[in-house]
Amino acid sequence: MALTQRFSSEGYEVESASDGEEGLALVLRGPFDVIVLDLMLPRRNGFDVCRDLRQRGINTPIIMLTARGQVVDRVVGLKLELMTTD
């Protein structure tokens, strides 16, 4: 919620979701300029949401946020972000 409020106060139009299922449905409805995605979402984690979006051909830039610090999490996130539908 802090990011939503901050971006809104800076004049950006923001839509937010409380879990991965809701977030995926929101993105599928719309075009967006950028997606800010938390990896530790309830109901569907950020890795799954990112993978599903890329598999559906949605190439909107994604900024992934996480409290995880392990290198493997970063590598998986980068691989999913770069995934294409070729």
PDB file of N, CA and C in Angstrom:
ATOM      1  N   MET A   1       0.818  -1.200   0.000  1.00  0.00           N
ATOM      2  CA  MET A   1       0.000   0.000   0.000  1.00  0.00           C
ATOM      3  C   MET A   1       0.856   1.257   0.000  1.00  0.00           C
ATOM      4  N   ALA A   2       2.037   1.193   0.606  1.00  0.00           N
ATOM      5  CA  ALA A   2       2.896   2.372   0.648  1.00  0.00           C
ATOM      6  C   ALA A   2       3.319   2.788  -0.759  1.00  0.00           C
ATOM      7  N   LEU A   3       3.639   1.833  -1.613  1.00  0.00           N
ATOM      8  CA  LEU A   3       4.016   2.171  -2.989  1.00  0.00           C
ATOM      9  C   LEU A   3       2.837   2.741  -3.758  1.00  0.00           C
ATOM     10  N   THR A   4       1.669   2.159  -3.567  1.00  0.00           N
ATOM     11  CA  THR A   4       0.471   2.671  -4.235  1.00  0.00           C
ATOM     12  C   THR A   4       0.241   4.130  -3.863  1.00  0.00           C
ATOM     13  N   GLN A   5       0.304   4.427  -2.594  1.00  0.00           N
ATOM     14  CA  GLN A   5       0.099   5.803  -2.128  1.00  0.00           C
ATOM     15  C   GLN A   5       1.184   6.730  -2.643  1.00  0.00           C
ATOM     16  N   ARG A   6       2.420   6.266  -2.623  1.00  0.00           N
ATOM     17  CA  ARG A   6       3.534   7.123  -3.063  1.00  0.00           C
ATOM     18  C   ARG A   6       3.430   7.438  -4.556  1.00  0.00           C
ATOM     19  N   PHE A   7       3.204   6.414  -5.381  1.00  0.00           N
ATOM     20  CA  PHE A   7       3.080   6.641  -6.822  1.00  0.00           C
ATOM     21  C   PHE A   7       1.883   7.546  -7.130  1.00  0.00           C
ATOM     22  N   SER A   8       0.782   7.327  -6.440  1.00  0.00           N
ATOM     23  CA  SER A   8      -0.401   8.171  -6.640  1.00  0.00           C
ATOM     24  C   SER A   8      -0.114   9.623  -6.275  1.00  0.00           C
ATOM     25  N   SER A   9       0.584   9.831  -5.171  1.00  0.00           N
ATOM     26  CA  SER A   9       0.902  11.198  -4.742  1.00  0.00           C
ATOM     27  C   SER A   9       1.844  11.898  -5.720  1.00  0.00           C
ATOM     28  N   GLU A  10       2.574  11.108  -6.512  1.00  0.00           N
ATOM     29  CA  GLU A  10       3.473  11.673  -7.527  1.00  0.00           C
ATOM     30  C   GLU A  10       2.758  11.892  -8.859  1.00  0.00           C
ATOM     31  N   GLY A  11       1.449  11.567  -8.899  1.00  0.00           N
ATOM     32  CA  GLY A  11       0.660  11.832 -10.092  1.00  0.00           C
ATOM     33  C   GLY A  11       0.476  10.646 -11.035  1.00  0.00           C
ATOM     34  N   TYR A  12       0.960   9.476 -10.654  1.00  0.00           N
ATOM     35  CA  TYR A  12       0.796   8.294 -11.497  1.00  0.00           C
ATOM     36  C   TYR A  12      -0.568   7.661 -11.268  1.00  0.00           C
ATOM     37  N   GLU A  13      -1.141   7.105 -12.309  1.00  0.00           N
ATOM     38  CA  GLU A  13      -2.377   6.336 -12.185  1.00  0.00           C
ATOM     39  C   GLU A  13      -1.982   4.926 -11.765  1.00  0.00           C
ATOM     40  N   VAL A  14      -2.508   4.473 -10.641  1.00  0.00           N
ATOM     41  CA  VAL A  14      -2.079   3.217 -10.038  1.00  0.00           C
ATOM     42  C   VAL A  14      -3.273   2.312  -9.808  1.00  0.00           C
ATOM     43  N   GLU A  15      -3.091   1.040 -10.113  1.00  0.00           N
ATOM     44  CA  GLU A  15      -4.062   0.007  -9.733  1.00  0.00           C
ATOM     45  C   GLU A  15      -3.292  -1.022  -8.946  1.00  0.00           C
ATOM     46  N   SER A  16      -3.909  -1.584  -7.924  1.00  0.00           N
ATOM     47  CA  SER A  16      -3.193  -2.554  -7.098  1.00  0.00           C
ATOM     48  C   SER A  16      -4.066  -3.775  -6.833  1.00  0.00           C
ATOM     49  N   ALA A  17      -3.391  -4.857  -6.479  1.00  0.00           N
ATOM     50  CA  ALA A  17      -4.061  -6.115  -6.168  1.00  0.00           C
ATOM     51  C   ALA A  17      -3.491  -6.646  -4.855  1.00  0.00           C
ATOM     52  N   SER A  18      -4.306  -7.364  -4.114  1.00  0.00           N
ATOM     53  CA  SER A  18      -3.861  -7.857  -2.806  1.00  0.00           C
ATOM     54  C   SER A  18      -3.248  -9.247  -2.858  1.00  0.00           C
ATOM     55  N   ASP A  19      -3.378  -9.947  -3.985  1.00  0.00           N
ATOM     56  CA  ASP A  19      -2.765 -11.265  -4.112  1.00  0.00           C
ATOM     57  C   ASP A  19      -2.440 -11.545  -5.582  1.00  0.00           C
ATOM     58  N   GLY A  20      -1.736 -12.637  -5.826  1.00  0.00           N
ATOM     59  CA  GLY A  20      -1.295 -12.959  -7.175  1.00  0.00           C
ATOM     60  C   GLY A  20      -2.416 -13.253  -8.152  1.00  0.00           C
ATOM     61  N   GLU A  21      -3.452 -13.913  -7.705  1.00  0.00           N
ATOM     62  CA  GLU A  21      -4.597 -14.213  -8.577  1.00  0.00           C
ATOM     63  C   GLU A  21      -5.260 -12.922  -9.051  1.00  0.00           C
ATOM     64  N   GLU A  22      -5.493 -12.026  -8.124  1.00  0.00           N
ATOM     65  CA  GLU A  22      -6.122 -10.745  -8.452  1.00  0.00           C
ATOM     66  C   GLU A  22      -5.201  -9.913  -9.359  1.00  0.00           C
ATOM     67  N   GLY A  23      -3.911  -9.944  -9.069  1.00  0.00           N
ATOM     68  CA  GLY A  23      -2.956  -9.201  -9.877  1.00  0.00           C
ATOM     69  C   GLY A  23      -2.889  -9.701 -11.306  1.00  0.00           C
ATOM     70  N   LEU A  24      -2.875 -11.015 -11.483  1.00  0.00           N
ATOM     71  CA  LEU A  24      -2.851 -11.592 -12.824  1.00  0.00           C
ATOM     72  C   LEU A  24      -4.097 -11.186 -13.599  1.00  0.00           C
ATOM     73  N   ALA A  25      -5.243 -11.285 -12.975  1.00  0.00           N
ATOM     74  CA  ALA A  25      -6.501 -10.902 -13.634  1.00  0.00           C
ATOM     75  C   ALA A  25      -6.488  -9.413 -13.998  1.00  0.00           C
ATOM     76  N   LEU A  26      -5.954  -8.586 -13.128  1.00  0.00           N
ATOM     77  CA  LEU A  26      -5.891  -7.148 -13.375  1.00  0.00           C
ATOM     78  C   LEU A  26      -5.026  -6.842 -14.596  1.00  0.00           C
ATOM     79  N   VAL A  27      -3.865  -7.454 -14.666  1.00  0.00           N
ATOM     80  CA  VAL A  27      -2.965  -7.208 -15.794  1.00  0.00           C
ATOM     81  C   VAL A  27      -3.579  -7.709 -17.098  1.00  0.00           C
ATOM     82  N   LEU A  28      -4.270  -8.822 -17.053  1.00  0.00           N
ATOM     83  CA  LEU A  28      -4.874  -9.370 -18.270  1.00  0.00           C
ATOM     84  C   LEU A  28      -5.984  -8.466 -18.814  1.00  0.00           C
ATOM     85  N   ARG A  29      -6.557  -7.617 -17.957  1.00  0.00           N
ATOM     86  CA  ARG A  29      -7.623  -6.710 -18.408  1.00  0.00           C
ATOM     87  C   ARG A  29      -7.080  -5.465 -19.080  1.00  0.00           C
ATOM     88  N   GLY A  30      -5.745  -5.161 -18.703  1.00  0.00           N
ATOM     89  CA  GLY A  30      -5.380  -4.007 -19.210  1.00  0.00           C
ATOM     90  C   GLY A  30      -4.440  -3.369 -19.828  1.00  0.00           C
ATOM     91  N   PRO A  31      -4.012  -2.575 -20.633  1.00  0.00           N
ATOM     92  CA  PRO A  31      -2.562  -2.411 -20.777  1.00  0.00           C
ATOM     93  C   PRO A  31      -1.991  -1.576 -19.626  1.00  0.00           C
ATOM     94  N   PHE A  32      -0.770  -1.882 -19.257  1.00  0.00           N
ATOM     95  CA  PHE A  32      -0.051  -1.145 -18.217  1.00  0.00           C
ATOM     96  C   PHE A  32       1.316  -0.754 -18.749  1.00  0.00           C
ATOM     97  N   ASP A  33       1.844   0.344 -18.255  1.00  0.00           N
ATOM     98  CA  ASP A  33       3.181   0.789 -18.654  1.00  0.00           C
ATOM     99  C   ASP A  33       4.268   0.009 -17.928  1.00  0.00           C
ATOM    100  N   VAL A  34       3.995  -0.362 -16.686  1.00  0.00           N
ATOM    101  CA  VAL A  34       4.949  -1.121 -15.882  1.00  0.00           C
ATOM    102  C   VAL A  34       4.176  -1.894 -14.816  1.00  0.00           C
ATOM    103  N   ILE A  35       4.732  -3.019 -14.406  1.00  0.00           N
ATOM    104  CA  ILE A  35       4.133  -3.838 -13.352  1.00  0.00           C
ATOM    105  C   ILE A  35       5.143  -3.927 -12.211  1.00  0.00           C
ATOM    106  N   VAL A  36       4.720  -3.588 -10.999  1.00  0.00           N
ATOM    107  CA  VAL A  36       5.552  -3.771  -9.808  1.00  0.00           C
ATOM    108  C   VAL A  36       4.999  -5.005  -9.115  1.00  0.00           C
ATOM    109  N   LEU A  37       5.841  -6.022  -8.987  1.00  0.00           N
ATOM    110  CA  LEU A  37       5.372  -7.342  -8.564  1.00  0.00           C
ATOM    111  C   LEU A  37       6.159  -7.827  -7.354  1.00  0.00           C
ATOM    112  N   ASP A  38       5.467  -8.082  -6.259  1.00  0.00           N
ATOM    113  CA  ASP A  38       6.084  -8.664  -5.066  1.00  0.00           C
ATOM    114  C   ASP A  38       6.161 -10.174  -5.273  1.00  0.00           C
ATOM    115  N   LEU A  39       7.295 -10.761  -4.974  1.00  0.00           N
ATOM    116  CA  LEU A  39       7.442 -12.204  -5.174  1.00  0.00           C
ATOM    117  C   LEU A  39       6.703 -13.031  -4.138  1.00  0.00           C
ATOM    118  N   MET A  40       6.438 -12.478  -2.974  1.00  0.00           N
ATOM    119  CA  MET A  40       5.830 -13.255  -1.893  1.00  0.00           C
ATOM    120  C   MET A  40       4.351 -12.926  -1.725  1.00  0.00           C
ATOM    121  N   LEU A  41       3.608 -12.999  -2.809  1.00  0.00           N
ATOM    122  CA  LEU A  41       2.167 -12.736  -2.783  1.00  0.00           C
ATOM    123  C   LEU A  41       1.400 -13.968  -2.330  1.00  0.00           C
ATOM    124  N   PRO A  42       0.269 -13.788  -1.663  1.00  0.00           N
ATOM    125  CA  PRO A  42      -0.591 -14.927  -1.347  1.00  0.00           C
ATOM    126  C   PRO A  42      -1.327 -15.426  -2.596  1.00  0.00           C
ATOM    127  N   ARG A  43      -1.788 -16.645  -2.554  1.00  0.00           N
ATOM    128  CA  ARG A  43      -2.597 -17.316  -3.584  1.00  0.00           C
ATOM    129  C   ARG A  43      -1.843 -17.641  -4.869  1.00  0.00           C
ATOM    130  N   ARG A  44      -0.921 -16.840  -5.298  1.00  0.00           N
ATOM    131  CA  ARG A  44      -0.076 -17.131  -6.463  1.00  0.00           C
ATOM    132  C   ARG A  44       1.147 -16.237  -6.316  1.00  0.00           C
ATOM    133  N   ASN A  45       2.319 -16.844  -6.181  1.00  0.00           N
ATOM    134  CA  ASN A  45       3.500 -16.021  -5.926  1.00  0.00           C
ATOM    135  C   ASN A  45       3.932 -15.241  -7.165  1.00  0.00           C
ATOM    136  N   GLY A  46       4.800 -14.280  -6.956  1.00  0.00           N
ATOM    137  CA  GLY A  46       5.237 -13.403  -8.028  1.00  0.00           C
ATOM    138  C   GLY A  46       5.939 -14.129  -9.161  1.00  0.00           C
ATOM    139  N   PHE A  47       6.688 -15.191  -8.849  1.00  0.00           N
ATOM    140  CA  PHE A  47       7.325 -15.976  -9.909  1.00  0.00           C
ATOM    141  C   PHE A  47       6.272 -16.566 -10.843  1.00  0.00           C
ATOM    142  N   ASP A  48       5.220 -17.130 -10.252  1.00  0.00           N
ATOM    143  CA  ASP A  48       4.155 -17.732 -11.064  1.00  0.00           C
ATOM    144  C   ASP A  48       3.423 -16.686 -11.895  1.00  0.00           C
ATOM    145  N   VAL A  49       3.150 -15.528 -11.304  1.00  0.00           N
ATOM    146  CA  VAL A  49       2.462 -14.462 -12.034  1.00  0.00           C
ATOM    147  C   VAL A  49       3.321 -14.011 -13.214  1.00  0.00           C
ATOM    148  N   CYS A  50       4.604 -13.794 -12.979  1.00  0.00           N
ATOM    149  CA  CYS A  50       5.506 -13.362 -14.042  1.00  0.00           C
ATOM    150  C   CYS A  50       5.556 -14.402 -15.160  1.00  0.00           C
ATOM    151  N   ARG A  51       5.716 -15.660 -14.798  1.00  0.00           N
ATOM    152  CA  ARG A  51       5.766 -16.732 -15.794  1.00  0.00           C
ATOM    153  C   ARG A  51       4.470 -16.783 -16.614  1.00  0.00           C
ATOM    154  N   ASP A  52       3.330 -16.690 -15.952  1.00  0.00           N
ATOM    155  CA  ASP A  52       2.047 -16.731 -16.650  1.00  0.00           C
ATOM    156  C   ASP A  52       1.891 -15.555 -17.609  1.00  0.00           C
ATOM    157  N   LEU A  53       2.322 -14.381 -17.179  1.00  0.00           N
ATOM    158  CA  LEU A  53       2.233 -13.200 -18.048  1.00  0.00           C
ATOM    159  C   LEU A  53       3.101 -13.368 -19.291  1.00  0.00           C
ATOM    160  N   ARG A  54       4.327 -13.832 -19.107  1.00  0.00           N
ATOM    161  CA  ARG A  54       5.229 -14.007 -20.244  1.00  0.00           C
ATOM    162  C   ARG A  54       4.718 -15.102 -21.187  1.00  0.00           C
ATOM    163  N   GLN A  55       4.172 -16.174 -20.630  1.00  0.00           N
ATOM    164  CA  GLN A  55       3.633 -17.244 -21.474  1.00  0.00           C
ATOM    165  C   GLN A  55       2.431 -16.781 -22.280  1.00  0.00           C
ATOM    166  N   ARG A  56       1.733 -15.777 -21.794  1.00  0.00           N
ATOM    167  CA  ARG A  56       0.582 -15.219 -22.511  1.00  0.00           C
ATOM    168  C   ARG A  56       0.990 -14.094 -23.468  1.00  0.00           C
ATOM    169  N   GLY A  57       2.285 -13.861 -23.578  1.00  0.00           N
ATOM    170  CA  GLY A  57       2.776 -12.859 -24.511  1.00  0.00           C
ATOM    171  C   GLY A  57       2.740 -11.433 -24.004  1.00  0.00           C
ATOM    172  N   ILE A  58       2.532 -11.247 -22.713  1.00  0.00           N
ATOM    173  CA  ILE A  58       2.516  -9.900 -22.139  1.00  0.00           C
ATOM    174  C   ILE A  58       3.951  -9.527 -21.802  1.00  0.00           C
ATOM    175  N   ASN A  59       4.478  -8.541 -22.500  1.00  0.00           N
ATOM    176  CA  ASN A  59       5.877  -8.145 -22.354  1.00  0.00           C
ATOM    177  C   ASN A  59       6.057  -6.818 -21.632  1.00  0.00           C
ATOM    178  N   THR A  60       5.059  -6.407 -20.881  1.00  0.00           N
ATOM    179  CA  THR A  60       5.154  -5.186 -20.077  1.00  0.00           C
ATOM    180  C   THR A  60       6.348  -5.316 -19.129  1.00  0.00           C
ATOM    181  N   PRO A  61       7.162  -4.276 -18.977  1.00  0.00           N
ATOM    182  CA  PRO A  61       8.277  -4.354 -18.029  1.00  0.00           C
ATOM    183  C   PRO A  61       7.770  -4.660 -16.615  1.00  0.00           C
ATOM    184  N   ILE A  62       8.514  -5.519 -15.915  1.00  0.00           N
ATOM    185  CA  ILE A  62       8.158  -5.911 -14.550  1.00  0.00           C
ATOM    186  C   ILE A  62       9.306  -5.570 -13.621  1.00  0.00           C
ATOM    187  N   ILE A  63       8.981  -4.858 -12.539  1.00  0.00           N
ATOM    188  CA  ILE A  63       9.921  -4.616 -11.451  1.00  0.00           C
ATOM    189  C   ILE A  63       9.542  -5.578 -10.345  1.00  0.00           C
ATOM    190  N   MET A  64      10.450  -6.481  -9.998  1.00  0.00           N
ATOM    191  CA  MET A  64      10.166  -7.477  -8.965  1.00  0.00           C
ATOM    192  C   MET A  64      10.751  -7.017  -7.633  1.00  0.00           C
ATOM    193  N   LEU A  65       9.923  -7.091  -6.606  1.00  0.00           N
ATOM    194  CA  LEU A  65      10.338  -6.744  -5.252  1.00  0.00           C
ATOM    195  C   LEU A  65      10.341  -7.999  -4.399  1.00  0.00           C
ATOM    196  N   THR A  66      11.311  -8.107  -3.496  1.00  0.00           N
ATOM    197  CA  THR A  66      11.332  -9.248  -2.606  1.00  0.00           C
ATOM    198  C   THR A  66      12.152  -8.955  -1.357  1.00  0.00           C
ATOM    199  N   ALA A  67      11.794  -9.625  -0.294  1.00  0.00           N
ATOM    200  CA  ALA A  67      12.593  -9.570   0.923  1.00  0.00           C
ATOM    201  C   ALA A  67      13.594 -10.718   0.925  1.00  0.00           C
ATOM    202  N   ARG A  68      13.477 -11.612  -0.049  1.00  0.00           N
ATOM    203  CA  ARG A  68      14.398 -12.741  -0.149  1.00  0.00           C
ATOM    204  C   ARG A  68      15.771 -12.239  -0.556  1.00  0.00           C
ATOM    205  N   GLY A  69      16.814 -12.859  -0.021  1.00  0.00           N
ATOM    206  CA  GLY A  69      18.156 -12.391  -0.316  1.00  0.00           C
ATOM    207  C   GLY A  69      19.028 -13.398  -1.034  1.00  0.00           C
ATOM    208  N   GLN A  70      18.493 -14.568  -1.340  1.00  0.00           N
ATOM    209  CA  GLN A  70      19.323 -15.599  -1.941  1.00  0.00           C
ATOM    210  C   GLN A  70      19.526 -15.358  -3.431  1.00  0.00           C
ATOM    211  N   VAL A  71      20.702 -15.682  -3.912  1.00  0.00           N
ATOM    212  CA  VAL A  71      21.049 -15.492  -5.315  1.00  0.00           C
ATOM    213  C   VAL A  71      20.115 -16.285  -6.219  1.00  0.00           C
ATOM    214  N   VAL A  72      19.732 -17.475  -5.819  1.00  0.00           N
ATOM    215  CA  VAL A  72      18.868 -18.311  -6.660  1.00  0.00           C
ATOM    216  C   VAL A  72      17.536 -17.614  -6.947  1.00  0.00           C
ATOM    217  N   ASP A  73      17.005 -16.880  -5.989  1.00  0.00           N
ATOM    218  CA  ASP A  73      15.755 -16.151  -6.202  1.00  0.00           C
ATOM    219  C   ASP A  73      15.943 -15.057  -7.254  1.00  0.00           C
ATOM    220  N   ARG A  74      17.064 -14.387  -7.231  1.00  0.00           N
ATOM    221  CA  ARG A  74      17.347 -13.355  -8.230  1.00  0.00           C
ATOM    222  C   ARG A  74      17.495 -13.960  -9.616  1.00  0.00           C
ATOM    223  N   VAL A  75      18.190 -15.089  -9.702  1.00  0.00           N
ATOM    224  CA  VAL A  75      18.400 -15.746 -11.000  1.00  0.00           C
ATOM    225  C   VAL A  75      17.073 -16.207 -11.587  1.00  0.00           C
ATOM    226  N   VAL A  76      16.231 -16.835 -10.772  1.00  0.00           N
ATOM    227  CA  VAL A  76      14.923 -17.283 -11.250  1.00  0.00           C
ATOM    228  C   VAL A  76      14.092 -16.093 -11.716  1.00  0.00           C
ATOM    229  N   GLY A  77      14.085 -15.035 -10.946  1.00  0.00           N
ATOM    230  CA  GLY A  77      13.332 -13.841 -11.319  1.00  0.00           C
ATOM    231  C   GLY A  77      13.804 -13.247 -12.628  1.00  0.00           C
ATOM    232  N   LEU A  78      15.094 -13.152 -12.822  1.00  0.00           N
ATOM    233  CA  LEU A  78      15.626 -12.600 -14.071  1.00  0.00           C
ATOM    234  C   LEU A  78      15.303 -13.493 -15.261  1.00  0.00           C
ATOM    235  N   LYS A  79      15.402 -14.798 -15.072  1.00  0.00           N
ATOM    236  CA  LYS A  79      15.074 -15.716 -16.170  1.00  0.00           C
ATOM    237  C   LYS A  79      13.600 -15.601 -16.559  1.00  0.00           C
ATOM    238  N   LEU A  80      12.717 -15.488 -15.585  1.00  0.00           N
ATOM    239  CA  LEU A  80      11.297 -15.343 -15.882  1.00  0.00           C
ATOM    240  C   LEU A  80      11.014 -14.017 -16.568  1.00  0.00           C
ATOM    241  N   GLU A  81      11.675 -12.948 -16.119  1.00  0.00           N
ATOM    242  CA  GLU A  81      11.466 -11.630 -16.713  1.00  0.00           C
ATOM    243  C   GLU A  81      11.892 -11.623 -18.176  1.00  0.00           C
ATOM    244  N   LEU A  82      12.925 -12.349 -18.499  1.00  0.00           N
ATOM    245  CA  LEU A  82      13.447 -12.350 -19.866  1.00  0.00           C
ATOM    246  C   LEU A  82      12.783 -13.392 -20.765  1.00  0.00           C
ATOM    247  N   MET A  83      11.899 -14.183 -20.195  1.00  0.00           N
ATOM    248  CA  MET A  83      11.232 -15.234 -20.945  1.00  0.00           C
ATOM    249  C   MET A  83      10.409 -14.645 -22.090  1.00  0.00           C
ATOM    250  N   THR A  84      10.484 -15.263 -23.245  1.00  0.00           N
ATOM    251  CA  THR A  84       9.684 -14.833 -24.382  1.00  0.00           C
ATOM    252  C   THR A  84       8.794 -15.977 -24.838  1.00  0.00           C
ATOM    253  N   THR A  85       7.910 -15.681 -25.744  1.00  0.00           N
ATOM    254  CA  THR A  85       6.969 -16.695 -26.248  1.00  0.00           C
ATOM    255  C   THR A  85       7.434 -17.291 -27.569  1.00  0.00           C
ATOM    256  N   ASP A  86       8.739 -17.157 -27.906  1.00  0.00           N
ATOM    257  CA  ASP A  86       9.257 -17.673 -29.173  1.00  0.00           C
ATOM    258  C   ASP A  86       9.076 -19.170 -29.286  1.00  0.00           C
TER     259      ASP A  86
END
